[in-house]
């Protein structure tokens, strides 16, 4: 079962194109497109059930989608106002 439905190059491109978004190198943006990496992040984070999580730079929400089912709540902070 996938951790995040957005964790593929196709899904990421689709979301970016649908909203007229582009990668901003000036912000050092990179988008998470590998569900195996999402799974590894969740594994290494060892989030206790129901614990709150602060996510910095959520982008299109790829990791956010995977965090929501395991965290008590997720607060995401994004510098790019377009996202």
PDB file of N, CA and C in Angstrom:
ATOM      1  N   UNK A   1       0.848  -1.180   0.000  1.00  0.00           N
ATOM      2  CA  UNK A   1       0.000   0.000   0.000  1.00  0.00           C
ATOM      3  C   UNK A   1       0.893   1.244   0.000  1.00  0.00           C
ATOM      4  N   UNK A   2       0.619   2.189  -0.873  1.00  0.00           N
ATOM      5  CA  UNK A   2       1.470   3.389  -0.922  1.00  0.00           C
ATOM      6  C   UNK A   2       1.308   4.263   0.326  1.00  0.00           C
ATOM      7  N   UNK A   3       2.379   4.959   0.647  1.00  0.00           N
ATOM      8  CA  UNK A   3       2.352   5.895   1.763  1.00  0.00           C
ATOM      9  C   UNK A   3       1.687   7.197   1.361  1.00  0.00           C
ATOM     10  N   UNK A   4       1.921   7.621   0.095  1.00  0.00           N
ATOM     11  CA  UNK A   4       1.368   8.882  -0.394  1.00  0.00           C
ATOM     12  C   UNK A   4       1.013   8.754  -1.872  1.00  0.00           C
ATOM     13  N   UNK A   5      -0.199   9.127  -2.239  1.00  0.00           N
ATOM     14  CA  UNK A   5      -0.593   9.046  -3.644  1.00  0.00           C
ATOM     15  C   UNK A   5       0.129  10.073  -4.523  1.00  0.00           C
ATOM     16  N   UNK A   6       0.810  11.026  -3.908  1.00  0.00           N
ATOM     17  CA  UNK A   6       1.515  12.060  -4.668  1.00  0.00           C
ATOM     18  C   UNK A   6       2.987  11.733  -4.903  1.00  0.00           C
ATOM     19  N   UNK A   7       3.459  10.610  -4.388  1.00  0.00           N
ATOM     20  CA  UNK A   7       4.880  10.277  -4.414  1.00  0.00           C
ATOM     21  C   UNK A   7       5.319   9.555  -5.685  1.00  0.00           C
ATOM     22  N   UNK A   8       4.955  10.113  -6.829  1.00  0.00           N
ATOM     23  CA  UNK A   8       5.438   9.613  -8.114  1.00  0.00           C
ATOM     24  C   UNK A   8       5.738  10.825  -8.995  1.00  0.00           C
ATOM     25  N   UNK A   9       6.663  10.677  -9.935  1.00  0.00           N
ATOM     26  CA  UNK A   9       6.923  11.794 -10.839  1.00  0.00           C
ATOM     27  C   UNK A   9       5.659  12.230 -11.595  1.00  0.00           C
ATOM     28  N   UNK A  10       4.860  11.254 -12.050  1.00  0.00           N
ATOM     29  CA  UNK A  10       3.642  11.577 -12.789  1.00  0.00           C
ATOM     30  C   UNK A  10       2.656  12.374 -11.935  1.00  0.00           C
ATOM     31  N   UNK A  11       2.405  11.919 -10.716  1.00  0.00           N
ATOM     32  CA  UNK A  11       1.453  12.611  -9.837  1.00  0.00           C
ATOM     33  C   UNK A  11       1.932  14.019  -9.522  1.00  0.00           C
ATOM     34  N   UNK A  12       3.226  14.162  -9.273  1.00  0.00           N
ATOM     35  CA  UNK A  12       3.783  15.478  -8.957  1.00  0.00           C
ATOM     36  C   UNK A  12       3.644  16.417 -10.148  1.00  0.00           C
ATOM     37  N   UNK A  13       4.023  15.950 -11.333  1.00  0.00           N
ATOM     38  CA  UNK A  13       3.873  16.778 -12.546  1.00  0.00           C
ATOM     39  C   UNK A  13       2.421  17.159 -12.773  1.00  0.00           C
ATOM     40  N   UNK A  14       1.525  16.227 -12.557  1.00  0.00           N
ATOM     41  CA  UNK A  14       0.098  16.478 -12.769  1.00  0.00           C
ATOM     42  C   UNK A  14      -0.404  17.586 -11.851  1.00  0.00           C
ATOM     43  N   UNK A  15      -0.042  17.519 -10.574  1.00  0.00           N
ATOM     44  CA  UNK A  15      -0.469  18.544  -9.610  1.00  0.00           C
ATOM     45  C   UNK A  15       0.142  19.900  -9.964  1.00  0.00           C
ATOM     46  N   UNK A  16       1.435  19.912 -10.263  1.00  0.00           N
ATOM     47  CA  UNK A  16       2.097  21.170 -10.605  1.00  0.00           C
ATOM     48  C   UNK A  16       1.471  21.806 -11.844  1.00  0.00           C
ATOM     49  N   UNK A  17       1.238  21.008 -12.884  1.00  0.00           N
ATOM     50  CA  UNK A  17       0.645  21.527 -14.114  1.00  0.00           C
ATOM     51  C   UNK A  17      -0.797  21.983 -13.896  1.00  0.00           C
ATOM     52  N   UNK A  18      -1.550  21.234 -13.128  1.00  0.00           N
ATOM     53  CA  UNK A  18      -2.958  21.575 -12.881  1.00  0.00           C
ATOM     54  C   UNK A  18      -3.105  22.915 -12.176  1.00  0.00           C
ATOM     55  N   UNK A  19      -2.095  23.290 -11.408  1.00  0.00           N
ATOM     56  CA  UNK A  19      -2.160  24.541 -10.644  1.00  0.00           C
ATOM     57  C   UNK A  19      -1.223  25.618 -11.183  1.00  0.00           C
ATOM     58  N   UNK A  20      -0.617  25.347 -12.345  1.00  0.00           N
ATOM     59  CA  UNK A  20       0.280  26.319 -12.962  1.00  0.00           C
ATOM     60  C   UNK A  20       1.513  26.618 -12.132  1.00  0.00           C
ATOM     61  N   UNK A  21       2.027  25.608 -11.437  1.00  0.00           N
ATOM     62  CA  UNK A  21       3.188  25.785 -10.561  1.00  0.00           C
ATOM     63  C   UNK A  21       4.461  25.326 -11.259  1.00  0.00           C
ATOM     64  N   UNK A  22       5.561  25.973 -10.929  1.00  0.00           N
ATOM     65  CA  UNK A  22       6.864  25.582 -11.468  1.00  0.00           C
ATOM     66  C   UNK A  22       7.872  25.502 -10.325  1.00  0.00           C
ATOM     67  N   UNK A  23       8.893  24.692 -10.520  1.00  0.00           N
ATOM     68  CA  UNK A  23       9.980  24.559  -9.560  1.00  0.00           C
ATOM     69  C   UNK A  23      10.739  25.880  -9.481  1.00  0.00           C
ATOM     70  N   UNK A  24      11.029  26.327  -8.280  1.00  0.00           N
ATOM     71  CA  UNK A  24      11.774  27.569  -8.086  1.00  0.00           C
ATOM     72  C   UNK A  24      13.153  27.229  -7.525  1.00  0.00           C
ATOM     73  N   UNK A  25      14.137  27.246  -8.409  1.00  0.00           N
ATOM     74  CA  UNK A  25      15.503  26.928  -7.984  1.00  0.00           C
ATOM     75  C   UNK A  25      16.003  27.920  -6.948  1.00  0.00           C
ATOM     76  N   UNK A  26      15.507  29.164  -7.009  1.00  0.00           N
ATOM     77  CA  UNK A  26      15.945  30.185  -6.051  1.00  0.00           C
ATOM     78  C   UNK A  26      15.571  29.820  -4.620  1.00  0.00           C
ATOM     79  N   UNK A  27      14.551  28.974  -4.457  1.00  0.00           N
ATOM     80  CA  UNK A  27      14.144  28.511  -3.131  1.00  0.00           C
ATOM     81  C   UNK A  27      14.722  27.128  -2.812  1.00  0.00           C
ATOM     82  N   UNK A  28      15.515  26.606  -3.733  1.00  0.00           N
ATOM     83  CA  UNK A  28      16.113  25.286  -3.525  1.00  0.00           C
ATOM     84  C   UNK A  28      15.085  24.172  -3.520  1.00  0.00           C
ATOM     85  N   UNK A  29      14.010  24.340  -4.292  1.00  0.00           N
ATOM     86  CA  UNK A  29      12.919  23.366  -4.254  1.00  0.00           C
ATOM     87  C   UNK A  29      13.278  22.055  -4.944  1.00  0.00           C
ATOM     88  N   UNK A  30      12.889  20.987  -4.288  1.00  0.00           N
ATOM     89  CA  UNK A  30      12.956  19.633  -4.818  1.00  0.00           C
ATOM     90  C   UNK A  30      11.670  18.968  -4.363  1.00  0.00           C
ATOM     91  N   UNK A  31      11.048  18.205  -5.226  1.00  0.00           N
ATOM     92  CA  UNK A  31       9.796  17.556  -4.859  1.00  0.00           C
ATOM     93  C   UNK A  31      10.021  16.073  -4.622  1.00  0.00           C
ATOM     94  N   UNK A  32       9.388  15.556  -3.591  1.00  0.00           N
ATOM     95  CA  UNK A  32       9.494  14.161  -3.192  1.00  0.00           C
ATOM     96  C   UNK A  32       8.660  13.315  -4.154  1.00  0.00           C
ATOM     97  N   UNK A  33       9.331  12.445  -4.932  1.00  0.00           N
ATOM     98  CA  UNK A  33       8.623  11.676  -5.952  1.00  0.00           C
ATOM     99  C   UNK A  33       8.843  10.165  -5.829  1.00  0.00           C
ATOM    100  N   UNK A  34       9.332   9.719  -4.685  1.00  0.00           N
ATOM    101  CA  UNK A  34       9.607   8.296  -4.481  1.00  0.00           C
ATOM    102  C   UNK A  34       8.918   7.833  -3.199  1.00  0.00           C
ATOM    103  N   UNK A  35       7.930   6.981  -3.344  1.00  0.00           N
ATOM    104  CA  UNK A  35       7.166   6.518  -2.188  1.00  0.00           C
ATOM    105  C   UNK A  35       8.034   5.693  -1.231  1.00  0.00           C
ATOM    106  N   UNK A  36       9.090   5.070  -1.744  1.00  0.00           N
ATOM    107  CA  UNK A  36      10.007   4.340  -0.864  1.00  0.00           C
ATOM    108  C   UNK A  36      10.692   5.303   0.104  1.00  0.00           C
ATOM    109  N   UNK A  37      11.022   6.489  -0.371  1.00  0.00           N
ATOM    110  CA  UNK A  37      11.653   7.496   0.479  1.00  0.00           C
ATOM    111  C   UNK A  37      10.653   8.008   1.512  1.00  0.00           C
ATOM    112  N   UNK A  38       9.410   8.201   1.088  1.00  0.00           N
ATOM    113  CA  UNK A  38       8.365   8.606   2.039  1.00  0.00           C
ATOM    114  C   UNK A  38       8.269   7.574   3.157  1.00  0.00           C
ATOM    115  N   UNK A  39       8.245   6.309   2.793  1.00  0.00           N
ATOM    116  CA  UNK A  39       8.184   5.241   3.787  1.00  0.00           C
ATOM    117  C   UNK A  39       9.382   5.249   4.718  1.00  0.00           C
ATOM    118  N   UNK A  40      10.562   5.500   4.167  1.00  0.00           N
ATOM    119  CA  UNK A  40      11.781   5.535   4.977  1.00  0.00           C
ATOM    120  C   UNK A  40      11.748   6.718   5.955  1.00  0.00           C
ATOM    121  N   UNK A  41      11.256   7.871   5.490  1.00  0.00           N
ATOM    122  CA  UNK A  41      11.128   9.041   6.370  1.00  0.00           C
ATOM    123  C   UNK A  41      10.197   8.714   7.534  1.00  0.00           C
ATOM    124  N   UNK A  42       9.056   8.101   7.236  1.00  0.00           N
ATOM    125  CA  UNK A  42       8.112   7.732   8.295  1.00  0.00           C
ATOM    126  C   UNK A  42       8.737   6.743   9.275  1.00  0.00           C
ATOM    127  N   UNK A  43       9.476   5.789   8.738  1.00  0.00           N
ATOM    128  CA  UNK A  43      10.128   4.781   9.583  1.00  0.00           C
ATOM    129  C   UNK A  43      11.152   5.439  10.513  1.00  0.00           C
ATOM    130  N   UNK A  44      11.994   6.300   9.962  1.00  0.00           N
ATOM    131  CA  UNK A  44      13.047   6.933  10.752  1.00  0.00           C
ATOM    132  C   UNK A  44      12.507   7.979  11.722  1.00  0.00           C
ATOM    133  N   UNK A  45      11.368   8.576  11.385  1.00  0.00           N
ATOM    134  CA  UNK A  45      10.776   9.592  12.271  1.00  0.00           C
ATOM    135  C   UNK A  45      10.235   8.977  13.556  1.00  0.00           C
ATOM    136  N   UNK A  46       9.814   7.736  13.497  1.00  0.00           N
ATOM    137  CA  UNK A  46       9.285   7.038  14.678  1.00  0.00           C
ATOM    138  C   UNK A  46       8.285   7.910  15.439  1.00  0.00           C
ATOM    139  N   UNK A  47       7.279   8.359  14.744  1.00  0.00           N
ATOM    140  CA  UNK A  47       6.277   9.257  15.333  1.00  0.00           C
ATOM    141  C   UNK A  47       5.391   8.467  16.293  1.00  0.00           C
ATOM    142  N   UNK A  48       5.399   8.836  17.575  1.00  0.00           N
ATOM    143  CA  UNK A  48       4.503   8.154  18.516  1.00  0.00           C
ATOM    144  C   UNK A  48       3.049   8.413  18.102  1.00  0.00           C
ATOM    145  N   UNK A  49       2.200   7.425  18.207  1.00  0.00           N
ATOM    146  CA  UNK A  49       0.799   7.577  17.823  1.00  0.00           C
ATOM    147  C   UNK A  49       0.158   8.806  18.442  1.00  0.00           C
ATOM    148  N   UNK A  50      -0.419   9.646  17.606  1.00  0.00           N
ATOM    149  CA  UNK A  50      -1.116  10.827  18.087  1.00  0.00           C
ATOM    150  C   UNK A  50      -0.232  12.033  18.363  1.00  0.00           C
ATOM    151  N   UNK A  51       1.073  11.912  18.139  1.00  0.00           N
ATOM    152  CA  UNK A  51       1.983  13.037  18.394  1.00  0.00           C
ATOM    153  C   UNK A  51       1.806  14.114  17.328  1.00  0.00           C
ATOM    154  N   UNK A  52       1.944  15.382  17.709  1.00  0.00           N
ATOM    155  CA  UNK A  52       1.889  16.452  16.712  1.00  0.00           C
ATOM    156  C   UNK A  52       3.196  16.490  15.905  1.00  0.00           C
ATOM    157  N   UNK A  53       3.092  16.915  14.649  1.00  0.00           N
ATOM    158  CA  UNK A  53       4.255  16.992  13.769  1.00  0.00           C
ATOM    159  C   UNK A  53       4.302  18.368  13.125  1.00  0.00           C
ATOM    160  N   UNK A  54       5.495  18.956  13.074  1.00  0.00           N
ATOM    161  CA  UNK A  54       5.727  20.202  12.356  1.00  0.00           C
ATOM    162  C   UNK A  54       6.493  19.855  11.088  1.00  0.00           C
ATOM    163  N   UNK A  55       5.910  20.165   9.948  1.00  0.00           N
ATOM    164  CA  UNK A  55       6.548  19.884   8.657  1.00  0.00           C
ATOM    165  C   UNK A  55       6.968  21.202   8.030  1.00  0.00           C
ATOM    166  N   UNK A  56       8.250  21.307   7.701  1.00  0.00           N
ATOM    167  CA  UNK A  56       8.781  22.505   7.072  1.00  0.00           C
ATOM    168  C   UNK A  56       8.928  22.237   5.577  1.00  0.00           C
ATOM    169  N   UNK A  57       8.329  23.086   4.758  1.00  0.00           N
ATOM    170  CA  UNK A  57       8.435  22.943   3.309  1.00  0.00           C
ATOM    171  C   UNK A  57       7.638  21.791   2.747  1.00  0.00           C
ATOM    172  N   UNK A  58       6.326  21.766   2.968  1.00  0.00           N
ATOM    173  CA  UNK A  58       5.509  20.646   2.512  1.00  0.00           C
ATOM    174  C   UNK A  58       5.326  20.562   0.998  1.00  0.00           C
ATOM    175  N   UNK A  59       5.628  21.637   0.283  1.00  0.00           N
ATOM    176  CA  UNK A  59       5.454  21.603  -1.172  1.00  0.00           C
ATOM    177  C   UNK A  59       4.012  21.340  -1.544  1.00  0.00           C
ATOM    178  N   UNK A  60       3.786  20.282  -2.324  1.00  0.00           N
ATOM    179  CA  UNK A  60       2.415  19.947  -2.747  1.00  0.00           C
ATOM    180  C   UNK A  60       1.725  19.006  -1.768  1.00  0.00           C
ATOM    181  N   UNK A  61       2.399  18.645  -0.688  1.00  0.00           N
ATOM    182  CA  UNK A  61       1.774  17.820   0.340  1.00  0.00           C
ATOM    183  C   UNK A  61       2.047  16.335   0.242  1.00  0.00           C
ATOM    184  N   UNK A  62       3.094  15.954  -0.477  1.00  0.00           N
ATOM    185  CA  UNK A  62       3.411  14.532  -0.639  1.00  0.00           C
ATOM    186  C   UNK A  62       3.664  13.853   0.702  1.00  0.00           C
ATOM    187  N   UNK A  63       4.546  14.414   1.496  1.00  0.00           N
ATOM    188  CA  UNK A  63       4.818  13.840   2.818  1.00  0.00           C
ATOM    189  C   UNK A  63       3.663  14.104   3.773  1.00  0.00           C
ATOM    190  N   UNK A  64       3.033  15.246   3.643  1.00  0.00           N
ATOM    191  CA  UNK A  64       1.893  15.598   4.500  1.00  0.00           C
ATOM    192  C   UNK A  64       0.815  14.516   4.436  1.00  0.00           C
ATOM    193  N   UNK A  65       0.521  14.058   3.225  1.00  0.00           N
ATOM    194  CA  UNK A  65      -0.502  13.022   3.039  1.00  0.00           C
ATOM    195  C   UNK A  65      -0.149  11.741   3.785  1.00  0.00           C
ATOM    196  N   UNK A  66       1.130  11.441   3.888  1.00  0.00           N
ATOM    197  CA  UNK A  66       1.571  10.241   4.602  1.00  0.00           C
ATOM    198  C   UNK A  66       1.641  10.473   6.113  1.00  0.00           C
ATOM    199  N   UNK A  67       1.901  11.707   6.519  1.00  0.00           N
ATOM    200  CA  UNK A  67       1.985  12.024   7.947  1.00  0.00           C
ATOM    201  C   UNK A  67       0.616  12.052   8.627  1.00  0.00           C
ATOM    202  N   UNK A  68      -0.377  12.544   7.937  1.00  0.00           N
ATOM    203  CA  UNK A  68      -1.703  12.735   8.550  1.00  0.00           C
ATOM    204  C   UNK A  68      -2.281  11.478   9.211  1.00  0.00           C
ATOM    205  N   UNK A  69      -2.193  10.306   8.592  1.00  0.00           N
ATOM    206  CA  UNK A  69      -2.759   9.121   9.245  1.00  0.00           C
ATOM    207  C   UNK A  69      -2.019   8.669  10.498  1.00  0.00           C
ATOM    208  N   UNK A  70      -0.745   9.060  10.660  1.00  0.00           N
ATOM    209  CA  UNK A  70       0.021   8.574  11.806  1.00  0.00           C
ATOM    210  C   UNK A  70       0.230   9.623  12.894  1.00  0.00           C
ATOM    211  N   UNK A  71       0.102  10.884  12.564  1.00  0.00           N
ATOM    212  CA  UNK A  71       0.321  11.950  13.543  1.00  0.00           C
ATOM    213  C   UNK A  71      -1.008  12.388  14.164  1.00  0.00           C
ATOM    214  N   UNK A  72      -0.906  12.974  15.359  1.00  0.00           N
ATOM    215  CA  UNK A  72      -2.101  13.530  15.997  1.00  0.00           C
ATOM    216  C   UNK A  72      -2.653  14.677  15.172  1.00  0.00           C
ATOM    217  N   UNK A  73      -1.766  15.541  14.759  1.00  0.00           N
ATOM    218  CA  UNK A  73      -2.086  16.580  13.787  1.00  0.00           C
ATOM    219  C   UNK A  73      -0.786  17.064  13.176  1.00  0.00           C
ATOM    220  N   UNK A  74      -0.886  17.643  11.986  1.00  0.00           N
ATOM    221  CA  UNK A  74       0.286  18.101  11.244  1.00  0.00           C
ATOM    222  C   UNK A  74       0.141  19.593  10.983  1.00  0.00           C
ATOM    223  N   UNK A  75       1.182  20.339  11.329  1.00  0.00           N
ATOM    224  CA  UNK A  75       1.259  21.759  10.998  1.00  0.00           C
ATOM    225  C   UNK A  75       2.359  21.882   9.963  1.00  0.00           C
ATOM    226  N   UNK A  76       2.023  22.438   8.798  1.00  0.00           N
ATOM    227  CA  UNK A  76       2.988  22.587   7.720  1.00  0.00           C
ATOM    228  C   UNK A  76       3.257  24.052   7.457  1.00  0.00           C
ATOM    229  N   UNK A  77       4.537  24.383   7.262  1.00  0.00           N
ATOM    230  CA  UNK A  77       4.927  25.755   7.010  1.00  0.00           C
ATOM    231  C   UNK A  77       5.662  25.776   5.664  1.00  0.00           C
ATOM    232  N   UNK A  78       5.132  26.580   4.730  1.00  0.00           N
ATOM    233  CA  UNK A  78       5.703  26.665   3.385  1.00  0.00           C
ATOM    234  C   UNK A  78       6.092  28.099   3.073  1.00  0.00           C
ATOM    235  N   UNK A  79       7.336  28.296   2.626  1.00  0.00           N
ATOM    236  CA  UNK A  79       7.829  29.621   2.293  1.00  0.00           C
ATOM    237  C   UNK A  79       7.273  30.133   0.958  1.00  0.00           C
ATOM    238  N   UNK A  80       7.034  29.224   0.015  1.00  0.00           N
ATOM    239  CA  UNK A  80       6.555  29.582  -1.316  1.00  0.00           C
ATOM    240  C   UNK A  80       5.050  29.859  -1.264  1.00  0.00           C
ATOM    241  N   UNK A  81       4.671  31.116  -1.364  1.00  0.00           N
ATOM    242  CA  UNK A  81       3.253  31.508  -1.271  1.00  0.00           C
ATOM    243  C   UNK A  81       2.411  30.870  -2.361  1.00  0.00           C
ATOM    244  N   UNK A  82       3.017  30.499  -3.507  1.00  0.00           N
ATOM    245  CA  UNK A  82       2.253  29.866  -4.578  1.00  0.00           C
ATOM    246  C   UNK A  82       1.795  28.458  -4.191  1.00  0.00           C
ATOM    247  N   UNK A  83       2.550  27.823  -3.319  1.00  0.00           N
ATOM    248  CA  UNK A  83       2.197  26.470  -2.899  1.00  0.00           C
ATOM    249  C   UNK A  83       1.228  26.514  -1.721  1.00  0.00           C
TER     250      UNK A  83
END
